[in-house]
Amino acid sequence: VFLVMSHTLMTDVPNLAFWLASLACFLWAAELGRS
């Protein structure tokens, strides 16, 4: 499902990317104290 959508112009993969990036940043900031 990621493969067939990753190159399209729609919002599915951009939205997923921003979701995961936000979660990763917040998690690392909270867990490792990197404010």
PDB file of all heavy atoms in Angstrom:
ATOM      1  N   VAL A   1       0.826  -1.205   0.000  1.00  0.00           N
ATOM      2  CA  VAL A   1       0.000   0.000   0.000  1.00  0.00           C
ATOM      3  C   VAL A   1       0.863   1.258   0.000  1.00  0.00           C
ATOM      4  O   VAL A   1       0.504   2.270  -0.611  1.00  0.00           O
ATOM      5  CB  VAL A   1      -0.971  -0.014   1.208  1.00  0.00           C
ATOM      6  CG1 VAL A   1      -0.212   0.112   2.524  1.00  0.00           C
ATOM      7  CG2 VAL A   1      -2.002   1.095   1.084  1.00  0.00           C
ATOM      8  N   PHE A   2       2.019   1.205   0.655  1.00  0.00           N
ATOM      9  CA  PHE A   2       2.931   2.348   0.653  1.00  0.00           C
ATOM     10  C   PHE A   2       3.596   2.494  -0.707  1.00  0.00           C
ATOM     11  O   PHE A   2       3.757   3.613  -1.222  1.00  0.00           O
ATOM     12  CB  PHE A   2       3.979   2.166   1.757  1.00  0.00           C
ATOM     13  CG  PHE A   2       4.893   3.347   1.942  1.00  0.00           C
ATOM     14  CD1 PHE A   2       4.490   4.436   2.706  1.00  0.00           C
ATOM     15  CD2 PHE A   2       6.158   3.363   1.382  1.00  0.00           C
ATOM     16  CE1 PHE A   2       5.335   5.526   2.884  1.00  0.00           C
ATOM     17  CE2 PHE A   2       7.007   4.440   1.548  1.00  0.00           C
ATOM     18  CZ  PHE A   2       6.591   5.526   2.309  1.00  0.00           C
ATOM     19  N   LEU A   3       3.971   1.366  -1.300  1.00  0.00           N
ATOM     20  CA  LEU A   3       4.655   1.393  -2.588  1.00  0.00           C
ATOM     21  C   LEU A   3       3.812   2.060  -3.665  1.00  0.00           C
ATOM     22  O   LEU A   3       4.304   2.888  -4.436  1.00  0.00           O
ATOM     23  CB  LEU A   3       4.997  -0.031  -3.014  1.00  0.00           C
ATOM     24  CG  LEU A   3       6.415  -0.530  -2.747  1.00  0.00           C
ATOM     25  CD1 LEU A   3       6.536  -1.980  -3.159  1.00  0.00           C
ATOM     26  CD2 LEU A   3       7.415   0.312  -3.513  1.00  0.00           C
ATOM     27  N   VAL A   4       2.538   1.694  -3.747  1.00  0.00           N
ATOM     28  CA  VAL A   4       1.708   2.197  -4.841  1.00  0.00           C
ATOM     29  C   VAL A   4       1.264   3.642  -4.621  1.00  0.00           C
ATOM     30  O   VAL A   4       0.787   4.284  -5.557  1.00  0.00           O
ATOM     31  CB  VAL A   4       0.474   1.307  -5.055  1.00  0.00           C
ATOM     32  CG1 VAL A   4       0.910  -0.117  -5.399  1.00  0.00           C
ATOM     33  CG2 VAL A   4      -0.430   1.300  -3.835  1.00  0.00           C
ATOM     34  N   MET A   5       1.422   4.163  -3.392  1.00  0.00           N
ATOM     35  CA  MET A   5       1.004   5.533  -3.114  1.00  0.00           C
ATOM     36  C   MET A   5       2.170   6.503  -2.980  1.00  0.00           C
ATOM     37  O   MET A   5       1.973   7.718  -3.027  1.00  0.00           O
ATOM     38  CB  MET A   5       0.192   5.567  -1.813  1.00  0.00           C
ATOM     39  CG  MET A   5      -1.105   4.782  -1.857  1.00  0.00           C
ATOM     40  SD  MET A   5      -2.275   5.396  -3.093  1.00  0.00           S
ATOM     41  CE  MET A   5      -2.625   7.030  -2.458  1.00  0.00           C
ATOM     42  N   SER A   6       3.376   5.995  -2.822  1.00  0.00           N
ATOM     43  CA  SER A   6       4.505   6.855  -2.446  1.00  0.00           C
ATOM     44  C   SER A   6       4.882   7.877  -3.503  1.00  0.00           C
ATOM     45  O   SER A   6       5.478   8.904  -3.189  1.00  0.00           O
ATOM     46  CB  SER A   6       5.725   5.986  -2.123  1.00  0.00           C
ATOM     47  OG  SER A   6       6.126   5.223  -3.251  1.00  0.00           O
ATOM     48  N   HIS A   7       4.538   7.632  -4.755  1.00  0.00           N
ATOM     49  CA  HIS A   7       4.929   8.543  -5.831  1.00  0.00           C
ATOM     50  C   HIS A   7       3.761   9.395  -6.335  1.00  0.00           C
ATOM     51  O   HIS A   7       3.946  10.195  -7.250  1.00  0.00           O
ATOM     52  CB  HIS A   7       5.484   7.733  -7.003  1.00  0.00           C
ATOM     53  CG  HIS A   7       4.473   6.794  -7.584  1.00  0.00           C
ATOM     54  ND1 HIS A   7       4.122   5.621  -6.957  1.00  0.00           N
ATOM     55  CD2 HIS A   7       3.711   6.864  -8.704  1.00  0.00           C
ATOM     56  CE1 HIS A   7       3.207   5.006  -7.679  1.00  0.00           C
ATOM     57  NE2 HIS A   7       2.932   5.738  -8.743  1.00  0.00           N
ATOM     58  N   THR A   8       2.580   9.226  -5.762  1.00  0.00           N
ATOM     59  CA  THR A   8       1.420   9.967  -6.253  1.00  0.00           C
ATOM     60  C   THR A   8       1.440  11.400  -5.730  1.00  0.00           C
ATOM     61  O   THR A   8       2.223  11.752  -4.840  1.00  0.00           O
ATOM     62  CB  THR A   8       0.107   9.289  -5.833  1.00  0.00           C
ATOM     63  OG1 THR A   8      -0.040   9.381  -4.405  1.00  0.00           O
ATOM     64  CG2 THR A   8       0.108   7.824  -6.246  1.00  0.00           C
ATOM     65  N   LEU A   9       0.548  12.222  -6.260  1.00  0.00           N
ATOM     66  CA  LEU A   9       0.475  13.629  -5.865  1.00  0.00           C
ATOM     67  C   LEU A   9      -0.560  13.854  -4.771  1.00  0.00           C
ATOM     68  O   LEU A   9      -0.788  15.006  -4.380  1.00  0.00           O
ATOM     69  CB  LEU A   9       0.123  14.493  -7.080  1.00  0.00           C
ATOM     70  CG  LEU A   9       0.973  14.294  -8.337  1.00  0.00           C
ATOM     71  CD1 LEU A   9       0.596  15.338  -9.384  1.00  0.00           C
ATOM     72  CD2 LEU A   9       2.452  14.331  -8.036  1.00  0.00           C
ATOM     73  N   MET A  10      -1.151  12.798  -4.268  1.00  0.00           N
ATOM     74  CA  MET A  10      -2.210  12.925  -3.268  1.00  0.00           C
ATOM     75  C   MET A  10      -1.618  13.118  -1.875  1.00  0.00           C
ATOM     76  O   MET A  10      -0.401  13.082  -1.686  1.00  0.00           O
ATOM     77  CB  MET A  10      -3.131  11.695  -3.341  1.00  0.00           C
ATOM     78  CG  MET A  10      -3.870  11.605  -4.672  1.00  0.00           C
ATOM     79  SD  MET A  10      -4.877  10.110  -4.826  1.00  0.00           S
ATOM     80  CE  MET A  10      -3.611   8.898  -5.226  1.00  0.00           C
ATOM     81  N   THR A  11      -2.476  13.308  -0.898  1.00  0.00           N
ATOM     82  CA  THR A  11      -2.022  13.706   0.438  1.00  0.00           C
ATOM     83  C   THR A  11      -1.743  12.535   1.371  1.00  0.00           C
ATOM     84  O   THR A  11      -1.281  12.766   2.496  1.00  0.00           O
ATOM     85  CB  THR A  11      -3.084  14.604   1.112  1.00  0.00           C
ATOM     86  OG1 THR A  11      -4.318  13.870   1.215  1.00  0.00           O
ATOM     87  CG2 THR A  11      -3.316  15.864   0.311  1.00  0.00           C
ATOM     88  N   ASP A  12      -1.987  11.310   0.950  1.00  0.00           N
ATOM     89  CA  ASP A  12      -1.890  10.171   1.860  1.00  0.00           C
ATOM     90  C   ASP A  12      -0.490  10.021   2.455  1.00  0.00           C
ATOM     91  O   ASP A  12      -0.321   9.955   3.681  1.00  0.00           O
ATOM     92  CB  ASP A  12      -2.293   8.879   1.142  1.00  0.00           C
ATOM     93  CG  ASP A  12      -3.676   8.964   0.536  1.00  0.00           C
ATOM     94  OD1 ASP A  12      -3.778   9.515  -0.573  1.00  0.00           O
ATOM     95  OD2 ASP A  12      -4.642   8.509   1.169  1.00  0.00           O
ATOM     96  N   VAL A  13       0.516   9.940   1.592  1.00  0.00           N
ATOM     97  CA  VAL A  13       1.884   9.739   2.074  1.00  0.00           C
ATOM     98  C   VAL A  13       2.438  11.003   2.742  1.00  0.00           C
ATOM     99  O   VAL A  13       3.086  10.899   3.786  1.00  0.00           O
ATOM    100  CB  VAL A  13       2.793   9.244   0.937  1.00  0.00           C
ATOM    101  CG1 VAL A  13       4.253   9.188   1.391  1.00  0.00           C
ATOM    102  CG2 VAL A  13       2.343   7.856   0.481  1.00  0.00           C
ATOM    103  N   PRO A  14       2.210  12.211   2.204  1.00  0.00           N
ATOM    104  CA  PRO A  14       2.655  13.401   2.946  1.00  0.00           C
ATOM    105  C   PRO A  14       2.076  13.476   4.352  1.00  0.00           C
ATOM    106  O   PRO A  14       2.786  13.800   5.311  1.00  0.00           O
ATOM    107  CB  PRO A  14       2.153  14.560   2.071  1.00  0.00           C
ATOM    108  CG  PRO A  14       2.134  14.007   0.702  1.00  0.00           C
ATOM    109  CD  PRO A  14       1.714  12.567   0.859  1.00  0.00           C
ATOM    110  N   ASN A  15       0.789  13.152   4.480  1.00  0.00           N
ATOM    111  CA  ASN A  15       0.176  13.189   5.806  1.00  0.00           C
ATOM    112  C   ASN A  15       0.809  12.158   6.735  1.00  0.00           C
ATOM    113  O   ASN A  15       1.114  12.454   7.902  1.00  0.00           O
ATOM    114  CB  ASN A  15      -1.328  12.936   5.695  1.00  0.00           C
ATOM    115  CG  ASN A  15      -2.052  13.132   7.007  1.00  0.00           C
ATOM    116  OD1 ASN A  15      -1.833  14.119   7.705  1.00  0.00           O
ATOM    117  ND2 ASN A  15      -2.921  12.214   7.353  1.00  0.00           N
ATOM    118  N   LEU A  16       1.033  10.945   6.225  1.00  0.00           N
ATOM    119  CA  LEU A  16       1.696   9.914   7.019  1.00  0.00           C
ATOM    120  C   LEU A  16       3.099  10.358   7.425  1.00  0.00           C
ATOM    121  O   LEU A  16       3.517  10.156   8.576  1.00  0.00           O
ATOM    122  CB  LEU A  16       1.762   8.612   6.220  1.00  0.00           C
ATOM    123  CG  LEU A  16       2.565   7.476   6.851  1.00  0.00           C
ATOM    124  CD1 LEU A  16       1.892   6.995   8.136  1.00  0.00           C
ATOM    125  CD2 LEU A  16       2.742   6.322   5.864  1.00  0.00           C
ATOM    126  N   ALA A  17       3.821  10.966   6.489  1.00  0.00           N
ATOM    127  CA  ALA A  17       5.189  11.401   6.776  1.00  0.00           C
ATOM    128  C   ALA A  17       5.219  12.440   7.890  1.00  0.00           C
ATOM    129  O   ALA A  17       6.044  12.354   8.816  1.00  0.00           O
ATOM    130  CB  ALA A  17       5.827  11.966   5.507  1.00  0.00           C
ATOM    131  N   PHE A  18       4.327  13.418   7.823  1.00  0.00           N
ATOM    132  CA  PHE A  18       4.300  14.456   8.852  1.00  0.00           C
ATOM    133  C   PHE A  18       3.861  13.885  10.203  1.00  0.00           C
ATOM    134  O   PHE A  18       4.358  14.297  11.251  1.00  0.00           O
ATOM    135  CB  PHE A  18       3.391  15.601   8.417  1.00  0.00           C
ATOM    136  CG  PHE A  18       3.902  16.368   7.237  1.00  0.00           C
ATOM    137  CD1 PHE A  18       3.041  16.742   6.202  1.00  0.00           C
ATOM    138  CD2 PHE A  18       5.231  16.735   7.134  1.00  0.00           C
ATOM    139  CE1 PHE A  18       3.507  17.453   5.098  1.00  0.00           C
ATOM    140  CE2 PHE A  18       5.715  17.451   6.045  1.00  0.00           C
ATOM    141  CZ  PHE A  18       4.849  17.808   5.026  1.00  0.00           C
ATOM    142  N   TRP A  19       2.912  12.949  10.187  1.00  0.00           N
ATOM    143  CA  TRP A  19       2.493  12.263  11.413  1.00  0.00           C
ATOM    144  C   TRP A  19       3.693  11.604  12.082  1.00  0.00           C
ATOM    145  O   TRP A  19       3.981  11.832  13.264  1.00  0.00           O
ATOM    146  CB  TRP A  19       1.453  11.185  11.077  1.00  0.00           C
ATOM    147  CG  TRP A  19       0.030  11.551  11.299  1.00  0.00           C
ATOM    148  CD1 TRP A  19      -0.724  12.361  10.515  1.00  0.00           C
ATOM    149  CD2 TRP A  19      -0.832  11.096  12.354  1.00  0.00           C
ATOM    150  NE1 TRP A  19      -2.010  12.437  11.007  1.00  0.00           N
ATOM    151  CE2 TRP A  19      -2.096  11.678  12.135  1.00  0.00           C
ATOM    152  CE3 TRP A  19      -0.652  10.245  13.447  1.00  0.00           C
ATOM    153  CZ2 TRP A  19      -3.179  11.451  12.983  1.00  0.00           C
ATOM    154  CZ3 TRP A  19      -1.729  10.012  14.288  1.00  0.00           C
ATOM    155  CH2 TRP A  19      -2.975  10.613  14.053  1.00  0.00           C
ATOM    156  N   LEU A  20       4.383  10.748  11.325  1.00  0.00           N
ATOM    157  CA  LEU A  20       5.494   9.985  11.887  1.00  0.00           C
ATOM    158  C   LEU A  20       6.633  10.897  12.324  1.00  0.00           C
ATOM    159  O   LEU A  20       7.264  10.657  13.366  1.00  0.00           O
ATOM    160  CB  LEU A  20       5.993   8.966  10.852  1.00  0.00           C
ATOM    161  CG  LEU A  20       5.019   7.840  10.505  1.00  0.00           C
ATOM    162  CD1 LEU A  20       5.576   6.982   9.370  1.00  0.00           C
ATOM    163  CD2 LEU A  20       4.734   6.974  11.726  1.00  0.00           C
ATOM    164  N   ALA A  21       6.920  11.936  11.538  1.00  0.00           N
ATOM    165  CA  ALA A  21       7.994  12.855  11.904  1.00  0.00           C
ATOM    166  C   ALA A  21       7.670  13.591  13.194  1.00  0.00           C
ATOM    167  O   ALA A  21       8.532  13.776  14.061  1.00  0.00           O
ATOM    168  CB  ALA A  21       8.244  13.843  10.772  1.00  0.00           C
ATOM    169  N   SER A  22       6.422  14.015  13.336  1.00  0.00           N
ATOM    170  CA  SER A  22       6.009  14.701  14.558  1.00  0.00           C
ATOM    171  C   SER A  22       6.111  13.770  15.763  1.00  0.00           C
ATOM    172  O   SER A  22       6.651  14.151  16.818  1.00  0.00           O
ATOM    173  CB  SER A  22       4.580  15.224  14.401  1.00  0.00           C
ATOM    174  OG  SER A  22       4.136  15.855  15.587  1.00  0.00           O
ATOM    175  N   LEU A  23       5.609  12.550  15.617  1.00  0.00           N
ATOM    176  CA  LEU A  23       5.676  11.580  16.711  1.00  0.00           C
ATOM    177  C   LEU A  23       7.119  11.276  17.097  1.00  0.00           C
ATOM    178  O   LEU A  23       7.460  11.213  18.289  1.00  0.00           O
ATOM    179  CB  LEU A  23       4.959  10.294  16.316  1.00  0.00           C
ATOM    180  CG  LEU A  23       3.431  10.347  16.263  1.00  0.00           C
ATOM    181  CD1 LEU A  23       2.887   9.050  15.657  1.00  0.00           C
ATOM    182  CD2 LEU A  23       2.843  10.555  17.650  1.00  0.00           C
ATOM    183  N   ALA A  24       7.975  11.068  16.103  1.00  0.00           N
ATOM    184  CA  ALA A  24       9.373  10.748  16.389  1.00  0.00           C
ATOM    185  C   ALA A  24      10.057  11.888  17.130  1.00  0.00           C
ATOM    186  O   ALA A  24      10.778  11.658  18.113  1.00  0.00           O
ATOM    187  CB  ALA A  24      10.107  10.431  15.087  1.00  0.00           C
ATOM    188  N   CYS A  25       9.842  13.117  16.685  1.00  0.00           N
ATOM    189  CA  CYS A  25      10.470  14.264  17.336  1.00  0.00           C
ATOM    190  C   CYS A  25      10.002  14.417  18.779  1.00  0.00           C
ATOM    191  O   CYS A  25      10.804  14.620  19.702  1.00  0.00           O
ATOM    192  CB  CYS A  25      10.181  15.544  16.555  1.00  0.00           C
ATOM    193  SG  CYS A  25      11.097  15.692  14.999  1.00  0.00           S
ATOM    194  N   PHE A  26       8.692  14.319  18.993  1.00  0.00           N
ATOM    195  CA  PHE A  26       8.159  14.465  20.343  1.00  0.00           C
ATOM    196  C   PHE A  26       8.640  13.333  21.260  1.00  0.00           C
ATOM    197  O   PHE A  26       8.962  13.559  22.425  1.00  0.00           O
ATOM    198  CB  PHE A  26       6.633  14.512  20.309  1.00  0.00           C
ATOM    199  CG  PHE A  26       6.077  15.887  20.114  1.00  0.00           C
ATOM    200  CD1 PHE A  26       5.889  16.404  18.846  1.00  0.00           C
ATOM    201  CD2 PHE A  26       5.761  16.686  21.205  1.00  0.00           C
ATOM    202  CE1 PHE A  26       5.388  17.685  18.662  1.00  0.00           C
ATOM    203  CE2 PHE A  26       5.258  17.967  21.032  1.00  0.00           C
ATOM    204  CZ  PHE A  26       5.069  18.470  19.757  1.00  0.00           C
ATOM    205  N   LEU A  27       8.701  12.122  20.726  1.00  0.00           N
ATOM    206  CA  LEU A  27       9.118  10.987  21.541  1.00  0.00           C
ATOM    207  C   LEU A  27      10.584  11.112  21.946  1.00  0.00           C
ATOM    208  O   LEU A  27      10.940  10.904  23.100  1.00  0.00           O
ATOM    209  CB  LEU A  27       8.876   9.692  20.778  1.00  0.00           C
ATOM    210  CG  LEU A  27       8.931   8.402  21.611  1.00  0.00           C
ATOM    211  CD1 LEU A  27       7.831   8.415  22.666  1.00  0.00           C
ATOM    212  CD2 LEU A  27       8.778   7.183  20.724  1.00  0.00           C
ATOM    213  N   TRP A  28      11.439  11.457  20.992  1.00  0.00           N
ATOM    214  CA  TRP A  28      12.852  11.615  21.308  1.00  0.00           C
ATOM    215  C   TRP A  28      13.076  12.803  22.245  1.00  0.00           C
ATOM    216  O   TRP A  28      13.930  12.750  23.128  1.00  0.00           O
ATOM    217  CB  TRP A  28      13.664  11.784  20.024  1.00  0.00           C
ATOM    218  CG  TRP A  28      14.005  10.491  19.361  1.00  0.00           C
ATOM    219  CD1 TRP A  28      13.143   9.605  18.788  1.00  0.00           C
ATOM    220  CD2 TRP A  28      15.305   9.917  19.230  1.00  0.00           C
ATOM    221  NE1 TRP A  28      13.814   8.519  18.292  1.00  0.00           N
ATOM    222  CE2 TRP A  28      15.144   8.681  18.539  1.00  0.00           C
ATOM    223  CE3 TRP A  28      16.582  10.337  19.587  1.00  0.00           C
ATOM    224  CZ2 TRP A  28      16.234   7.865  18.232  1.00  0.00           C
ATOM    225  CZ3 TRP A  28      17.673   9.517  19.278  1.00  0.00           C
ATOM    226  CH2 TRP A  28      17.495   8.300  18.616  1.00  0.00           C
ATOM    227  N   ALA A  29      12.311  13.863  22.064  1.00  0.00           N
ATOM    228  CA  ALA A  29      12.455  15.030  22.947  1.00  0.00           C
ATOM    229  C   ALA A  29      12.076  14.670  24.374  1.00  0.00           C
ATOM    230  O   ALA A  29      12.770  15.055  25.336  1.00  0.00           O
ATOM    231  CB  ALA A  29      11.589  16.176  22.437  1.00  0.00           C
ATOM    232  N   ALA A  30      10.986  13.923  24.538  1.00  0.00           N
ATOM    233  CA  ALA A  30      10.510  13.585  25.873  1.00  0.00           C
ATOM    234  C   ALA A  30      11.365  12.513  26.529  1.00  0.00           C
ATOM    235  O   ALA A  30      11.686  12.602  27.714  1.00  0.00           O
ATOM    236  CB  ALA A  30       9.057  13.125  25.807  1.00  0.00           C
ATOM    237  N   GLU A  31      11.755  11.483  25.761  1.00  0.00           N
ATOM    238  CA  GLU A  31      12.479  10.358  26.338  1.00  0.00           C
ATOM    239  C   GLU A  31      13.940  10.683  26.626  1.00  0.00           C
ATOM    240  O   GLU A  31      14.503  10.198  27.613  1.00  0.00           O
ATOM    241  CB  GLU A  31      12.394   9.147  25.401  1.00  0.00           C
ATOM    242  CG  GLU A  31      11.007   8.567  25.239  1.00  0.00           C
ATOM    243  CD  GLU A  31      10.516   7.889  26.497  1.00  0.00           C
ATOM    244  OE1 GLU A  31      11.360   7.489  27.322  1.00  0.00           O
ATOM    245  OE2 GLU A  31       9.289   7.771  26.665  1.00  0.00           O
ATOM    246  N   LEU A  32      14.558  11.469  25.757  1.00  0.00           N
ATOM    247  CA  LEU A  32      15.988  11.738  25.897  1.00  0.00           C
ATOM    248  C   LEU A  32      16.284  13.142  26.394  1.00  0.00           C
ATOM    249  O   LEU A  32      17.449  13.533  26.498  1.00  0.00           O
ATOM    250  CB  LEU A  32      16.692  11.503  24.557  1.00  0.00           C
ATOM    251  CG  LEU A  32      16.545  10.093  23.973  1.00  0.00           C
ATOM    252  CD1 LEU A  32      17.290   9.978  22.664  1.00  0.00           C
ATOM    253  CD2 LEU A  32      17.041   9.048  24.964  1.00  0.00           C
ATOM    254  N   GLY A  33      15.247  13.933  26.676  1.00  0.00           N
ATOM    255  CA  GLY A  33      15.452  15.278  27.188  1.00  0.00           C
ATOM    256  C   GLY A  33      16.008  16.259  26.172  1.00  0.00           C
ATOM    257  O   GLY A  33      16.601  17.268  26.554  1.00  0.00           O
ATOM    258  N   ARG A  34      15.811  15.992  24.882  1.00  0.00           N
ATOM    259  CA  ARG A  34      16.303  16.891  23.830  1.00  0.00           C
ATOM    260  C   ARG A  34      15.186  17.860  23.455  1.00  0.00           C
ATOM    261  O   ARG A  34      14.498  17.714  22.454  1.00  0.00           O
ATOM    262  CB  ARG A  34      16.772  16.087  22.630  1.00  0.00           C
ATOM    263  CG  ARG A  34      17.917  15.136  22.960  1.00  0.00           C
ATOM    264  CD  ARG A  34      18.349  14.310  21.764  1.00  0.00           C
ATOM    265  NE  ARG A  34      19.418  13.384  22.114  1.00  0.00           N
ATOM    266  CZ  ARG A  34      19.950  12.499  21.280  1.00  0.00           C
ATOM    267  NH1 ARG A  34      19.499  12.421  20.034  1.00  0.00           N
ATOM    268  NH2 ARG A  34      20.913  11.688  21.681  1.00  0.00           N
ATOM    269  N   SER A  35      15.031  18.895  24.284  1.00  0.00           N
ATOM    270  CA  SER A  35      13.896  19.812  24.130  1.00  0.00           C
ATOM    271  C   SER A  35      13.887  20.516  22.785  1.00  0.00           C
ATOM    272  O   SER A  35      12.824  20.926  22.308  1.00  0.00           O
ATOM    273  CB  SER A  35      13.922  20.849  25.262  1.00  0.00           C
ATOM    274  OG  SER A  35      13.825  20.202  26.522  1.00  0.00           O
TER     275      SER A  35
END
